[in-house]
């Protein structure tokens, strides 16, 4: 029972941090009740996939798809931009978490146990979520972020070369997220490459997003 409660609490915390960061990056209003609801549902599904069926990689893929579906159908983001937001959010959060994981393994904190319960994963989730929340808070206070994502579904979008490039970058993000989990499980000695890959993809994503923002005459504050 304790494992279930801890899993739910930290999973909801992580999911909430990801949505919060996504909305702050794209200057969209925060909906705390809907965010917690989405996090609760995603955590519940994740728990049973991982603990009852041991489908870790399947869970990662489903969580990614659920994030997209909630952005699109619950938060009413246009389907094209929901794909963009999902990819950028996961790349950002996976960069944060993979870096934290690498540092925690070096320091040995990831292997801490308390009363025969491994707390390293919870420490990783807590630190990653707090960093994501703080980045979102900083972006909000400094009025940074991008303006080109409309918070309506019925808006007409003009697909140009830059949008196509952003979409192409979005496509492999799920693959890299699943790959991170796979490397953690099977080839942990190569895991140090993942933060580097995430950093490169994230830089390209942010660069194209910035250029699109400027093209649409919506300057970053």
C-alpha atoms as a PDB file:
ATOM      1  CA  UNK A   1       0.000   0.000   0.000  1.00  0.00           C
ATOM      2  CA  UNK A   2       2.834   2.369   0.892  1.00  0.00           C
ATOM      3  CA  UNK A   3       4.525   1.659  -2.441  1.00  0.00           C
ATOM      4  CA  UNK A   4       1.295   2.498  -4.275  1.00  0.00           C
ATOM      5  CA  UNK A   5       0.828   5.781  -2.390  1.00  0.00           C
ATOM      6  CA  UNK A   6       4.448   6.852  -2.926  1.00  0.00           C
ATOM      7  CA  UNK A   7       4.292   5.929  -6.592  1.00  0.00           C
ATOM      8  CA  UNK A   8       1.102   7.929  -7.101  1.00  0.00           C
ATOM      9  CA  UNK A   9       2.342  10.994  -5.201  1.00  0.00           C
ATOM     10  CA  UNK A  10       5.661  11.271  -7.000  1.00  0.00           C
ATOM     11  CA  UNK A  11       4.201  10.405 -10.404  1.00  0.00           C
ATOM     12  CA  UNK A  12       1.559  13.115 -10.051  1.00  0.00           C
ATOM     13  CA  UNK A  13       4.284  15.530  -8.931  1.00  0.00           C
ATOM     14  CA  UNK A  14       6.346  14.755 -12.021  1.00  0.00           C
ATOM     15  CA  UNK A  15       3.417  15.009 -14.421  1.00  0.00           C
ATOM     16  CA  UNK A  16       2.287  18.282 -12.874  1.00  0.00           C
ATOM     17  CA  UNK A  17       5.809  19.670 -13.207  1.00  0.00           C
ATOM     18  CA  UNK A  18       5.890  18.750 -16.888  1.00  0.00           C
ATOM     19  CA  UNK A  19       2.539  20.370 -17.662  1.00  0.00           C
ATOM     20  CA  UNK A  20       3.458  23.441 -15.611  1.00  0.00           C
ATOM     21  CA  UNK A  21       6.740  23.822 -17.473  1.00  0.00           C
ATOM     22  CA  UNK A  22       5.034  23.326 -20.854  1.00  0.00           C
ATOM     23  CA  UNK A  23       2.423  25.993 -20.164  1.00  0.00           C
ATOM     24  CA  UNK A  24       5.007  28.473 -18.879  1.00  0.00           C
ATOM     25  CA  UNK A  25       7.303  27.946 -21.865  1.00  0.00           C
ATOM     26  CA  UNK A  26       4.434  28.644 -24.281  1.00  0.00           C
ATOM     27  CA  UNK A  27       2.755  31.355 -22.156  1.00  0.00           C
ATOM     28  CA  UNK A  28      -0.494  29.437 -21.661  1.00  0.00           C
ATOM     29  CA  UNK A  29      -2.698  29.833 -18.586  1.00  0.00           C
ATOM     30  CA  UNK A  30      -2.246  27.292 -15.804  1.00  0.00           C
ATOM     31  CA  UNK A  31      -5.185  25.008 -14.978  1.00  0.00           C
ATOM     32  CA  UNK A  32      -4.209  23.366 -11.655  1.00  0.00           C
ATOM     33  CA  UNK A  33      -7.320  21.189 -11.214  1.00  0.00           C
ATOM     34  CA  UNK A  34      -7.074  19.780 -14.738  1.00  0.00           C
ATOM     35  CA  UNK A  35      -3.320  19.246 -14.347  1.00  0.00           C
ATOM     36  CA  UNK A  36      -3.778  17.241 -11.135  1.00  0.00           C
ATOM     37  CA  UNK A  37      -6.605  15.244 -12.733  1.00  0.00           C
ATOM     38  CA  UNK A  38      -4.412  14.403 -15.734  1.00  0.00           C
ATOM     39  CA  UNK A  39      -1.529  13.493 -13.431  1.00  0.00           C
ATOM     40  CA  UNK A  40      -3.752  11.244 -11.296  1.00  0.00           C
ATOM     41  CA  UNK A  41      -5.066   9.332 -14.293  1.00  0.00           C
ATOM     42  CA  UNK A  42      -1.626   8.969 -15.854  1.00  0.00           C
ATOM     43  CA  UNK A  43      -0.085   7.800 -12.563  1.00  0.00           C
ATOM     44  CA  UNK A  44      -2.851   5.231 -12.037  1.00  0.00           C
ATOM     45  CA  UNK A  45      -2.370   3.753 -15.516  1.00  0.00           C
ATOM     46  CA  UNK A  46       1.408   3.812 -15.128  1.00  0.00           C
ATOM     47  CA  UNK A  47       1.336   1.964 -11.813  1.00  0.00           C
ATOM     48  CA  UNK A  48      -0.636  -0.981 -13.132  1.00  0.00           C
ATOM     49  CA  UNK A  49       1.340  -1.240 -16.359  1.00  0.00           C
ATOM     50  CA  UNK A  50       4.629  -1.312 -14.453  1.00  0.00           C
ATOM     51  CA  UNK A  51       3.741  -3.271 -11.309  1.00  0.00           C
ATOM     52  CA  UNK A  52       1.053  -5.657 -12.536  1.00  0.00           C
ATOM     53  CA  UNK A  53       2.286  -6.329 -16.059  1.00  0.00           C
ATOM     54  CA  UNK A  54       5.938  -5.151 -15.948  1.00  0.00           C
ATOM     55  CA  UNK A  55       5.482  -3.277 -19.230  1.00  0.00           C
ATOM     56  CA  UNK A  56       7.921  -0.442 -18.548  1.00  0.00           C
ATOM     57  CA  UNK A  57       8.636   0.578 -22.141  1.00  0.00           C
ATOM     58  CA  UNK A  58       4.963   0.300 -23.038  1.00  0.00           C
ATOM     59  CA  UNK A  59       4.147   2.543 -20.103  1.00  0.00           C
ATOM     60  CA  UNK A  60       6.644   5.170 -21.270  1.00  0.00           C
ATOM     61  CA  UNK A  61       5.065   5.233 -24.737  1.00  0.00           C
ATOM     62  CA  UNK A  62       1.520   5.402 -23.333  1.00  0.00           C
ATOM     63  CA  UNK A  63       2.448   8.213 -20.933  1.00  0.00           C
ATOM     64  CA  UNK A  64       3.827  10.177 -23.872  1.00  0.00           C
ATOM     65  CA  UNK A  65       0.640   9.623 -25.894  1.00  0.00           C
ATOM     66  CA  UNK A  66      -1.534  10.521 -22.896  1.00  0.00           C
ATOM     67  CA  UNK A  67       0.357  13.788 -22.466  1.00  0.00           C
ATOM     68  CA  UNK A  68      -0.364  14.622 -26.097  1.00  0.00           C
ATOM     69  CA  UNK A  69      -4.040  13.650 -25.747  1.00  0.00           C
ATOM     70  CA  UNK A  70      -4.519  15.773 -22.633  1.00  0.00           C
ATOM     71  CA  UNK A  71      -2.888  18.798 -24.249  1.00  0.00           C
ATOM     72  CA  UNK A  72      -5.065  18.342 -27.306  1.00  0.00           C
ATOM     73  CA  UNK A  73      -8.420  17.287 -25.848  1.00  0.00           C
ATOM     74  CA  UNK A  74      -8.394  18.489 -22.230  1.00  0.00           C
ATOM     75  CA  UNK A  75      -6.446  21.733 -22.527  1.00  0.00           C
ATOM     76  CA  UNK A  76      -7.768  22.456 -26.051  1.00  0.00           C
ATOM     77  CA  UNK A  77      -4.414  23.001 -27.755  1.00  0.00           C
ATOM     78  CA  UNK A  78      -4.426  22.688 -31.539  1.00  0.00           C
ATOM     79  CA  UNK A  79      -3.405  19.145 -32.521  1.00  0.00           C
ATOM     80  CA  UNK A  80      -0.299  20.323 -34.415  1.00  0.00           C
ATOM     81  CA  UNK A  81       0.939  22.412 -31.508  1.00  0.00           C
ATOM     82  CA  UNK A  82      -0.012  19.708 -29.019  1.00  0.00           C
ATOM     83  CA  UNK A  83       2.504  17.473 -30.805  1.00  0.00           C
ATOM     84  CA  UNK A  84       5.121  20.229 -30.650  1.00  0.00           C
ATOM     85  CA  UNK A  85       4.476  20.925 -26.964  1.00  0.00           C
ATOM     86  CA  UNK A  86       4.568  17.251 -26.020  1.00  0.00           C
ATOM     87  CA  UNK A  87       7.889  16.714 -27.765  1.00  0.00           C
ATOM     88  CA  UNK A  88       9.535  19.832 -26.356  1.00  0.00           C
ATOM     89  CA  UNK A  89       8.262  19.126 -22.845  1.00  0.00           C
ATOM     90  CA  UNK A  90       9.514  15.544 -22.866  1.00  0.00           C
ATOM     91  CA  UNK A  91      12.884  16.516 -24.317  1.00  0.00           C
ATOM     92  CA  UNK A  92      13.297  19.199 -21.656  1.00  0.00           C
ATOM     93  CA  UNK A  93      12.197  16.988 -18.789  1.00  0.00           C
ATOM     94  CA  UNK A  94      14.225  14.004 -19.967  1.00  0.00           C
ATOM     95  CA  UNK A  95      17.293  16.221 -20.246  1.00  0.00           C
ATOM     96  CA  UNK A  96      16.723  17.364 -16.654  1.00  0.00           C
ATOM     97  CA  UNK A  97      16.047  13.861 -15.363  1.00  0.00           C
ATOM     98  CA  UNK A  98      18.823  12.096 -17.263  1.00  0.00           C
ATOM     99  CA  UNK A  99      21.325  14.665 -15.986  1.00  0.00           C
ATOM    100  CA  UNK A 100      20.046  14.271 -12.418  1.00  0.00           C
ATOM    101  CA  UNK A 101      20.140  10.477 -12.758  1.00  0.00           C
ATOM    102  CA  UNK A 102      23.732  10.575 -13.960  1.00  0.00           C
ATOM    103  CA  UNK A 103      24.785  12.823 -11.049  1.00  0.00           C
ATOM    104  CA  UNK A 104      22.876  10.791  -8.455  1.00  0.00           C
ATOM    105  CA  UNK A 105      24.557   7.593  -9.654  1.00  0.00           C
ATOM    106  CA  UNK A 106      27.998   9.199  -9.386  1.00  0.00           C
ATOM    107  CA  UNK A 107      27.319  10.425  -5.836  1.00  0.00           C
ATOM    108  CA  UNK A 108      25.665   7.152  -4.809  1.00  0.00           C
ATOM    109  CA  UNK A 109      22.414   8.829  -3.738  1.00  0.00           C
ATOM    110  CA  UNK A 110      20.455   6.836  -6.299  1.00  0.00           C
ATOM    111  CA  UNK A 111      21.130   3.640  -4.351  1.00  0.00           C
ATOM    112  CA  UNK A 112      19.942   4.914  -0.977  1.00  0.00           C
ATOM    113  CA  UNK A 113      17.521   2.670   0.906  1.00  0.00           C
ATOM    114  CA  UNK A 114      15.265   3.386   3.863  1.00  0.00           C
ATOM    115  CA  UNK A 115      13.544   0.588   5.777  1.00  0.00           C
ATOM    116  CA  UNK A 116      14.305  -1.853   2.937  1.00  0.00           C
ATOM    117  CA  UNK A 117      12.700   0.528   0.433  1.00  0.00           C
ATOM    118  CA  UNK A 118      14.795   2.042  -2.325  1.00  0.00           C
ATOM    119  CA  UNK A 119      14.292   5.802  -2.200  1.00  0.00           C
ATOM    120  CA  UNK A 120      16.733   6.670  -4.984  1.00  0.00           C
ATOM    121  CA  UNK A 121      13.976   6.770  -7.610  1.00  0.00           C
ATOM    122  CA  UNK A 122      11.853   9.047  -5.427  1.00  0.00           C
ATOM    123  CA  UNK A 123      14.813  11.361  -4.846  1.00  0.00           C
ATOM    124  CA  UNK A 124      15.348  11.486  -8.604  1.00  0.00           C
ATOM    125  CA  UNK A 125      11.680  12.256  -9.254  1.00  0.00           C
ATOM    126  CA  UNK A 126      11.570  14.934  -6.545  1.00  0.00           C
ATOM    127  CA  UNK A 127      14.713  16.732  -7.710  1.00  0.00           C
ATOM    128  CA  UNK A 128      13.685  16.568 -11.387  1.00  0.00           C
ATOM    129  CA  UNK A 129      10.206  17.894 -10.638  1.00  0.00           C
ATOM    130  CA  UNK A 130      11.533  20.714  -8.440  1.00  0.00           C
ATOM    131  CA  UNK A 131      13.974  21.790 -11.142  1.00  0.00           C
ATOM    132  CA  UNK A 132      11.174  21.780 -13.740  1.00  0.00           C
ATOM    133  CA  UNK A 133       8.879  23.791 -11.459  1.00  0.00           C
ATOM    134  CA  UNK A 134      11.620  26.321 -10.743  1.00  0.00           C
ATOM    135  CA  UNK A 135      12.456  26.719 -14.417  1.00  0.00           C
ATOM    136  CA  UNK A 136       8.760  27.338 -15.089  1.00  0.00           C
ATOM    137  CA  UNK A 137       8.567  29.878 -12.262  1.00  0.00           C
ATOM    138  CA  UNK A 138      11.674  31.652 -13.565  1.00  0.00           C
ATOM    139  CA  UNK A 139      10.275  31.781 -17.108  1.00  0.00           C
ATOM    140  CA  UNK A 140       7.001  33.191 -15.787  1.00  0.00           C
ATOM    141  CA  UNK A 141       8.656  35.857 -13.625  1.00  0.00           C
ATOM    142  CA  UNK A 142      11.019  36.968 -16.382  1.00  0.00           C
ATOM    143  CA  UNK A 143       8.212  36.859 -18.949  1.00  0.00           C
ATOM    144  CA  UNK A 144      10.220  34.568 -21.174  1.00  0.00           C
ATOM    145  CA  UNK A 145       8.780  31.938 -23.463  1.00  0.00           C
ATOM    146  CA  UNK A 146       7.111  31.617 -26.845  1.00  0.00           C
ATOM    147  CA  UNK A 147       3.898  33.186 -28.119  1.00  0.00           C
ATOM    148  CA  UNK A 148       3.209  31.219 -31.268  1.00  0.00           C
ATOM    149  CA  UNK A 149       1.117  28.418 -29.719  1.00  0.00           C
ATOM    150  CA  UNK A 150      -2.604  29.385 -29.642  1.00  0.00           C
ATOM    151  CA  UNK A 151      -4.678  27.983 -26.792  1.00  0.00           C
ATOM    152  CA  UNK A 152      -7.597  27.194 -29.110  1.00  0.00           C
ATOM    153  CA  UNK A 153      -8.312  24.194 -31.327  1.00  0.00           C
ATOM    154  CA  UNK A 154     -10.211  25.927 -34.123  1.00  0.00           C
ATOM    155  CA  UNK A 155      -7.424  28.321 -35.087  1.00  0.00           C
ATOM    156  CA  UNK A 156      -6.092  28.057 -38.634  1.00  0.00           C
ATOM    157  CA  UNK A 157      -2.371  27.451 -38.872  1.00  0.00           C
ATOM    158  CA  UNK A 158      -0.098  28.100 -41.816  1.00  0.00           C
ATOM    159  CA  UNK A 159       2.319  25.221 -42.339  1.00  0.00           C
ATOM    160  CA  UNK A 160       5.653  26.560 -43.591  1.00  0.00           C
ATOM    161  CA  UNK A 161       9.181  25.171 -43.747  1.00  0.00           C
ATOM    162  CA  UNK A 162       9.959  26.130 -40.146  1.00  0.00           C
ATOM    163  CA  UNK A 163       6.831  24.358 -38.880  1.00  0.00           C
ATOM    164  CA  UNK A 164       7.839  21.278 -40.851  1.00  0.00           C
ATOM    165  CA  UNK A 165      11.310  21.338 -39.277  1.00  0.00           C
ATOM    166  CA  UNK A 166       9.820  21.612 -35.804  1.00  0.00           C
ATOM    167  CA  UNK A 167       7.471  18.722 -36.562  1.00  0.00           C
ATOM    168  CA  UNK A 168      10.351  16.585 -37.855  1.00  0.00           C
ATOM    169  CA  UNK A 169      12.184  17.219 -34.594  1.00  0.00           C
ATOM    170  CA  UNK A 170       9.042  16.217 -32.707  1.00  0.00           C
ATOM    171  CA  UNK A 171       8.786  12.814 -34.382  1.00  0.00           C
ATOM    172  CA  UNK A 172      11.822  11.074 -32.809  1.00  0.00           C
ATOM    173  CA  UNK A 173      11.318  12.450 -29.302  1.00  0.00           C
ATOM    174  CA  UNK A 174       9.258   9.441 -28.196  1.00  0.00           C
ATOM    175  CA  UNK A 175      11.990   7.141 -29.508  1.00  0.00           C
ATOM    176  CA  UNK A 176      14.625   8.909 -27.441  1.00  0.00           C
ATOM    177  CA  UNK A 177      12.462   8.827 -24.331  1.00  0.00           C
ATOM    178  CA  UNK A 178      11.982   5.061 -24.690  1.00  0.00           C
ATOM    179  CA  UNK A 179      15.674   4.660 -25.498  1.00  0.00           C
ATOM    180  CA  UNK A 180      16.631   6.374 -22.248  1.00  0.00           C
ATOM    181  CA  UNK A 181      14.649   3.838 -20.243  1.00  0.00           C
ATOM    182  CA  UNK A 182      16.076   0.965 -22.264  1.00  0.00           C
ATOM    183  CA  UNK A 183      19.655   2.153 -21.773  1.00  0.00           C
ATOM    184  CA  UNK A 184      19.048   2.552 -18.058  1.00  0.00           C
ATOM    185  CA  UNK A 185      17.923  -1.062 -17.851  1.00  0.00           C
ATOM    186  CA  UNK A 186      20.283  -2.817 -20.271  1.00  0.00           C
ATOM    187  CA  UNK A 187      23.319  -0.682 -21.081  1.00  0.00           C
ATOM    188  CA  UNK A 188      23.788   1.720 -18.199  1.00  0.00           C
ATOM    189  CA  UNK A 189      27.477   2.226 -19.080  1.00  0.00           C
ATOM    190  CA  UNK A 190      26.385   4.225 -22.145  1.00  0.00           C
ATOM    191  CA  UNK A 191      23.778   6.270 -20.344  1.00  0.00           C
ATOM    192  CA  UNK A 192      26.054   9.324 -20.144  1.00  0.00           C
ATOM    193  CA  UNK A 193      25.387   9.860 -23.865  1.00  0.00           C
ATOM    194  CA  UNK A 194      21.676  10.519 -23.309  1.00  0.00           C
ATOM    195  CA  UNK A 195      21.937  13.980 -21.664  1.00  0.00           C
ATOM    196  CA  UNK A 196      24.182  15.024 -24.547  1.00  0.00           C
ATOM    197  CA  UNK A 197      21.664  13.816 -27.145  1.00  0.00           C
ATOM    198  CA  UNK A 198      18.794  15.515 -25.316  1.00  0.00           C
ATOM    199  CA  UNK A 199      20.785  18.742 -25.051  1.00  0.00           C
ATOM    200  CA  UNK A 200      21.473  18.806 -28.804  1.00  0.00           C
ATOM    201  CA  UNK A 201      17.843  18.089 -29.735  1.00  0.00           C
ATOM    202  CA  UNK A 202      16.581  20.593 -27.181  1.00  0.00           C
ATOM    203  CA  UNK A 203      18.890  23.306 -28.505  1.00  0.00           C
ATOM    204  CA  UNK A 204      17.651  22.711 -32.058  1.00  0.00           C
ATOM    205  CA  UNK A 205      14.052  22.784 -30.836  1.00  0.00           C
ATOM    206  CA  UNK A 206      14.469  26.037 -28.914  1.00  0.00           C
ATOM    207  CA  UNK A 207      16.354  27.657 -31.796  1.00  0.00           C
ATOM    208  CA  UNK A 208      13.618  26.852 -34.327  1.00  0.00           C
ATOM    209  CA  UNK A 209      10.913  27.911 -31.864  1.00  0.00           C
ATOM    210  CA  UNK A 210      12.694  31.220 -31.283  1.00  0.00           C
ATOM    211  CA  UNK A 211      13.028  31.822 -35.024  1.00  0.00           C
ATOM    212  CA  UNK A 212       9.342  31.069 -35.535  1.00  0.00           C
ATOM    213  CA  UNK A 213       8.406  33.430 -32.727  1.00  0.00           C
ATOM    214  CA  UNK A 214      10.402  36.211 -34.350  1.00  0.00           C
ATOM    215  CA  UNK A 215       8.956  35.444 -37.778  1.00  0.00           C
ATOM    216  CA  UNK A 216       5.432  35.779 -36.399  1.00  0.00           C
ATOM    217  CA  UNK A 217       6.435  39.160 -34.914  1.00  0.00           C
ATOM    218  CA  UNK A 218       5.889  37.772 -31.423  1.00  0.00           C
ATOM    219  CA  UNK A 219       9.123  38.666 -29.663  1.00  0.00           C
ATOM    220  CA  UNK A 220      10.311  36.907 -26.555  1.00  0.00           C
ATOM    221  CA  UNK A 221       9.919  39.292 -23.649  1.00  0.00           C
END
